[in-house]
Protein backbone atom coordinates (compact mmCIF):
# COMPACT_ATOMS: atom_id res chain seq x y z
CA MET A 1 -5.15 40.87 -29.19
CA SER A 2 -3.13 44.06 -28.65
CA THR A 3 -4.55 47.59 -29.06
CA THR A 4 -2.94 51.01 -29.17
CA ALA A 5 -3.76 53.88 -26.83
CA GLY A 6 -7.20 55.35 -27.42
CA GLN A 7 -8.43 52.32 -29.37
CA THR A 8 -11.00 49.84 -28.18
CA ALA A 9 -10.53 46.10 -28.51
CA GLN A 10 -12.33 44.62 -31.49
CA PRO A 11 -14.05 41.27 -31.30
CA ALA A 12 -11.85 38.42 -32.47
CA TYR A 13 -14.77 36.80 -34.36
CA ASP A 14 -17.76 38.16 -36.25
CA ALA A 15 -21.31 36.85 -35.88
CA ALA A 16 -20.88 34.16 -38.55
CA ALA A 17 -17.68 32.87 -36.94
CA LEU A 18 -19.33 32.81 -33.52
CA GLY A 19 -22.17 30.74 -34.93
CA ALA A 20 -19.74 28.29 -36.54
CA LEU A 21 -17.83 27.94 -33.28
CA ALA A 22 -21.08 27.28 -31.43
CA HIS A 23 -21.83 24.40 -33.81
CA LEU A 24 -18.27 23.14 -33.38
CA TYR A 25 -18.77 23.13 -29.62
CA ARG A 26 -22.01 21.16 -29.99
CA GLY A 27 -20.24 18.60 -32.16
CA GLU A 28 -17.39 18.15 -29.69
CA MET A 29 -19.86 17.91 -26.82
CA TYR A 30 -21.75 15.17 -28.67
CA ARG A 31 -18.58 13.16 -29.28
CA SER A 32 -17.60 13.58 -25.63
CA LYS A 33 -21.03 12.30 -24.58
CA VAL A 34 -20.79 9.26 -26.88
CA TRP A 35 -17.39 8.22 -25.54
CA ARG A 36 -18.55 8.85 -21.99
CA GLY A 37 -21.31 6.33 -22.60
CA ARG A 38 -18.77 3.81 -23.87
CA LEU A 39 -16.83 4.18 -20.63
CA ASP A 40 -19.94 3.40 -18.63
CA THR A 41 -20.55 0.31 -20.77
CA THR A 42 -17.25 -1.39 -19.90
CA THR A 43 -17.67 -0.52 -16.23
CA ASN A 44 -21.12 -2.10 -16.30
CA TRP A 45 -19.59 -5.24 -17.80
CA GLY A 46 -17.18 -5.43 -14.87
CA VAL A 47 -19.93 -4.96 -12.29
CA ALA A 48 -22.25 -7.48 -13.97
CA THR A 49 -19.65 -10.23 -14.35
CA THR A 50 -18.50 -9.74 -10.76
CA GLY A 51 -22.08 -10.08 -9.56
CA ILE A 52 -22.50 -13.30 -11.53
CA ALA A 53 -19.25 -14.72 -10.13
CA LEU A 54 -20.34 -13.89 -6.58
CA SER A 55 -23.70 -15.58 -7.10
CA VAL A 56 -22.12 -18.72 -8.54
CA THR A 57 -19.39 -18.92 -5.90
CA PHE A 58 -21.63 -18.47 -2.87
CA ALA A 59 -24.63 -20.37 -4.21
CA SER A 60 -23.40 -23.48 -2.43
CA VAL A 61 -20.75 -24.25 0.15
CA GLU A 62 -19.27 -26.85 -2.21
CA ASN A 63 -18.80 -24.39 -5.10
CA SER A 64 -15.25 -23.43 -6.02
CA PRO A 65 -13.88 -19.86 -5.64
CA ILE A 66 -12.23 -20.14 -9.07
CA PRO A 67 -15.01 -18.09 -10.82
CA LEU A 68 -13.88 -15.07 -8.77
CA ILE A 69 -10.32 -15.50 -10.06
CA LEU A 70 -11.41 -15.90 -13.66
CA VAL A 71 -13.70 -12.87 -13.46
CA GLY A 72 -10.88 -10.87 -11.88
CA LEU A 73 -8.78 -11.55 -14.98
CA LEU A 74 -11.75 -10.66 -17.18
CA VAL A 75 -12.27 -7.37 -15.35
CA GLY A 76 -8.58 -6.64 -15.98
CA VAL A 77 -9.34 -6.96 -19.70
CA PHE A 78 -12.30 -4.61 -19.29
CA LEU A 79 -9.98 -2.12 -17.59
CA SER A 80 -7.57 -2.24 -20.53
CA ILE A 81 -10.44 -1.64 -22.97
CA GLU A 82 -11.76 1.23 -20.90
CA THR A 83 -8.27 2.72 -20.66
CA ARG A 84 -8.12 3.09 -24.43
CA ARG A 85 -11.66 4.48 -24.55
CA TYR A 86 -10.81 7.00 -21.84
CA ARG A 87 -7.87 8.32 -23.86
CA TYR A 88 -10.23 9.03 -26.75
CA PHE A 89 -12.82 10.55 -24.42
CA ASP A 90 -10.17 12.88 -23.02
CA ILE A 91 -9.50 14.29 -26.50
CA TRP A 92 -13.06 15.48 -26.97
CA ARG A 93 -13.47 16.57 -23.34
CA THR A 94 -10.28 18.64 -23.52
CA ARG A 95 -11.59 20.54 -26.54
CA VAL A 96 -14.97 21.10 -24.89
CA ARG A 97 -13.40 22.46 -21.70
CA LEU A 98 -11.04 24.69 -23.66
CA MET A 99 -13.90 26.29 -25.56
CA GLU A 100 -15.99 26.62 -22.41
CA VAL A 101 -13.27 28.49 -20.54
CA CYS A 102 -11.61 30.50 -23.33
CA PHE A 103 -14.56 31.07 -25.69
CA TYR A 104 -17.81 31.00 -23.76
CA GLY A 105 -16.26 32.32 -20.55
CA PRO A 106 -15.50 35.81 -21.93
CA ILE A 107 -18.88 35.94 -23.68
CA LEU A 108 -20.71 35.18 -20.43
CA LYS A 109 -18.74 37.98 -18.74
CA GLY A 110 -19.76 40.42 -21.48
CA GLU A 111 -16.27 40.61 -22.93
CA SER A 112 -14.96 40.02 -26.42
CA VAL A 113 -13.38 36.66 -27.14
CA ARG A 114 -9.62 36.95 -26.74
CA THR A 115 -7.07 35.15 -28.87
CA ASP A 116 -3.88 36.66 -27.48
CA ASN A 117 -3.46 33.76 -25.04
CA GLY A 118 -3.18 31.32 -27.94
CA TRP A 119 -6.07 29.01 -27.11
CA ASN A 120 -7.32 29.09 -30.70
CA ASP A 121 -3.88 28.23 -32.09
CA ALA A 122 -3.61 25.32 -29.68
CA LEU A 123 -7.02 24.05 -30.78
CA VAL A 124 -6.08 24.36 -34.46
CA ARG A 125 -2.90 22.36 -33.91
CA ASP A 126 -4.87 19.72 -32.07
CA TYR A 127 -7.23 19.37 -35.04
CA ALA A 128 -4.35 19.30 -37.51
CA HIS A 129 -2.30 16.77 -35.55
CA LEU A 130 -4.65 14.49 -33.64
CA ARG A 131 -2.95 12.87 -30.69
CA PHE A 132 -3.71 11.50 -27.26
CA HIS A 133 -3.32 14.06 -24.49
CA ILE A 134 -2.63 11.57 -21.70
CA SER A 135 -0.59 8.40 -21.47
CA ASN A 136 -1.98 4.90 -21.33
CA TRP A 137 -0.74 4.54 -17.74
CA GLU A 138 -2.45 7.73 -16.57
CA ALA A 139 -5.73 6.71 -18.16
CA ALA A 140 -5.55 3.26 -16.55
CA GLY A 141 -4.72 4.79 -13.17
CA ARG A 142 -7.63 7.21 -13.32
CA ARG A 143 -10.18 4.54 -14.22
CA LEU A 144 -8.73 2.23 -11.60
CA ARG A 145 -9.01 4.82 -8.82
CA ARG A 146 -12.48 5.95 -9.81
CA ASN A 147 -14.22 2.66 -10.56
CA TYR A 148 -12.26 -0.54 -10.90
CA ALA A 149 -10.46 -0.46 -7.56
CA TRP A 150 -13.78 -1.09 -5.81
CA ILE A 151 -14.57 -4.01 -8.11
CA PHE A 152 -11.19 -5.62 -7.48
CA ILE A 153 -11.53 -5.06 -3.72
CA ILE A 154 -14.93 -6.77 -3.67
CA GLN A 155 -13.53 -9.71 -5.63
CA ALA A 156 -10.51 -10.08 -3.34
CA VAL A 157 -12.56 -9.88 -0.14
CA ALA A 158 -15.12 -12.35 -1.50
CA TYR A 159 -12.38 -14.80 -2.51
CA VAL A 160 -10.72 -14.68 0.91
CA ALA A 161 -14.09 -15.04 2.62
CA LYS A 162 -14.99 -18.03 0.45
CA ILE A 163 -11.86 -20.04 1.20
CA CYS A 164 -12.01 -19.12 4.89
CA ILE A 165 -15.63 -20.10 5.65
CA HIS A 166 -16.65 -22.73 3.07
CA PRO A 167 -17.28 -25.58 3.44
CA THR A 168 -16.36 -25.09 7.11
CA PRO A 169 -14.57 -22.31 8.98
CA LEU A 170 -10.83 -22.43 8.38
CA GLY A 171 -8.84 -24.20 11.09
CA THR A 172 -5.22 -24.51 9.98
CA LEU A 173 -2.82 -23.11 7.39
CA ASP A 174 -2.72 -26.48 5.68
CA GLU A 175 -6.45 -26.18 5.05
CA LEU A 176 -5.90 -22.69 3.60
CA TRP A 177 -3.26 -23.93 1.15
CA ALA A 178 -5.48 -26.85 0.15
CA ARG A 179 -8.53 -24.68 -0.51
CA ALA A 180 -6.52 -22.08 -2.45
CA SER A 181 -4.80 -24.62 -4.71
CA ILE A 182 -5.80 -24.77 -8.37
CA GLY A 183 -4.93 -27.99 -10.17
CA PRO A 184 -1.15 -28.50 -10.00
CA LEU A 185 -0.59 -25.04 -8.50
CA PRO A 186 -0.23 -25.15 -4.70
CA GLY A 187 -2.24 -22.72 -2.63
CA GLN A 188 0.88 -20.74 -1.63
CA VAL A 189 1.65 -19.96 -5.27
CA VAL A 190 -1.96 -19.03 -6.07
CA LEU A 191 -2.19 -16.63 -3.13
CA LEU A 192 1.24 -15.16 -3.95
CA ILE A 193 0.13 -14.45 -7.52
CA GLY A 194 -3.01 -12.80 -6.15
CA VAL A 195 -0.98 -10.60 -3.81
CA ILE A 196 1.36 -9.58 -6.63
CA PHE A 197 -1.58 -8.83 -8.94
CA HIS A 198 -3.38 -6.58 -6.46
CA SER A 199 -0.14 -4.95 -5.32
CA GLY A 200 0.55 -4.05 -8.93
CA LEU A 201 -2.87 -2.44 -9.20
CA MET A 202 -2.27 -0.40 -6.04
CA LEU A 203 1.14 0.66 -7.33
CA LEU A 204 -0.37 1.76 -10.64
CA ALA A 205 -3.03 3.81 -8.87
CA ALA A 206 -0.43 5.48 -6.62
CA LEU A 207 2.21 6.20 -9.27
CA THR A 208 -0.28 7.85 -11.65
CA LEU A 209 -1.83 10.03 -8.96
CA LYS A 210 0.67 12.88 -9.43
CA GLY A 211 1.57 14.76 -12.58
CA GLN A 212 -1.77 14.17 -14.27
CA HIS A 213 -2.42 15.80 -17.64
CA ALA A 214 -6.08 14.93 -18.13
CA ALA A 215 -8.29 17.95 -18.71
CA GLY A 216 -11.68 18.47 -17.16
CA ARG A 217 -10.56 17.83 -13.59
CA VAL A 218 -11.80 20.37 -11.07
CA GLY A 219 -9.42 23.31 -10.93
CA ARG A 220 -7.36 22.15 -13.89
CA LEU A 221 -8.18 24.62 -16.65
CA GLU A 222 -8.96 27.46 -14.27
CA ASP A 223 -5.44 27.25 -12.80
CA ASP A 224 -3.57 26.92 -16.10
CA ASP A 225 -3.15 30.11 -18.12
CA ASP A 226 -1.53 28.37 -21.07
CA PRO A 227 -4.11 26.37 -23.07
CA MET A 228 -1.29 24.44 -24.76
CA LEU A 229 -0.40 22.93 -21.40
CA THR A 230 -4.00 21.90 -20.93
CA LEU A 231 -4.09 20.24 -24.32
CA GLY A 232 -0.77 18.55 -23.69
CA ILE A 233 0.77 20.14 -26.82
CA ASP A 234 4.49 20.91 -26.73
């Protein structure tokens, strides 16, 4: 908001508008909290099913390691579900962070709320044209690095440990191929598929590490002066 010489800056919003914006913030915070809970739900599914697979696999030396493979595929489905949920969560979190920095920030510093930096226009456009702020790949990479990588690591280590020590400690490569085989698939093929699967996960986590657009990360909004960049609006 520009002012001429000798004039003082006028508040961008009156008391009624400030009250309405406060209620809007509470609504966006509530939606962010709801979707955050949904993220935790799918992660809990992954942890619970992995725990069950570990219990079944190591309950007896004769038990097959196949439950770990099946649960690994199931956890991959959970990751895809959580990826979509995270993209929705990022919408509400972005709005909350924008209002915290650009609306409540000046108020807490005893200043009038500014609109000359365009944060309000960016928020209006986001309401008028709802869209995801981050890509599906970035969302998957973030959830993989934060939570699911550890689940997949535990599954992989447990699988290798199972075929190496049960029913007896591994002696030759032929024994390894025999224990890793699944039906008509030879052990070499099964292990190769496993290596490709986990390599793909590591590649996804690494490639999405840079150029992130998700809001709410430490230092993100504070370092970006343009709220449109934060919202991912062109």
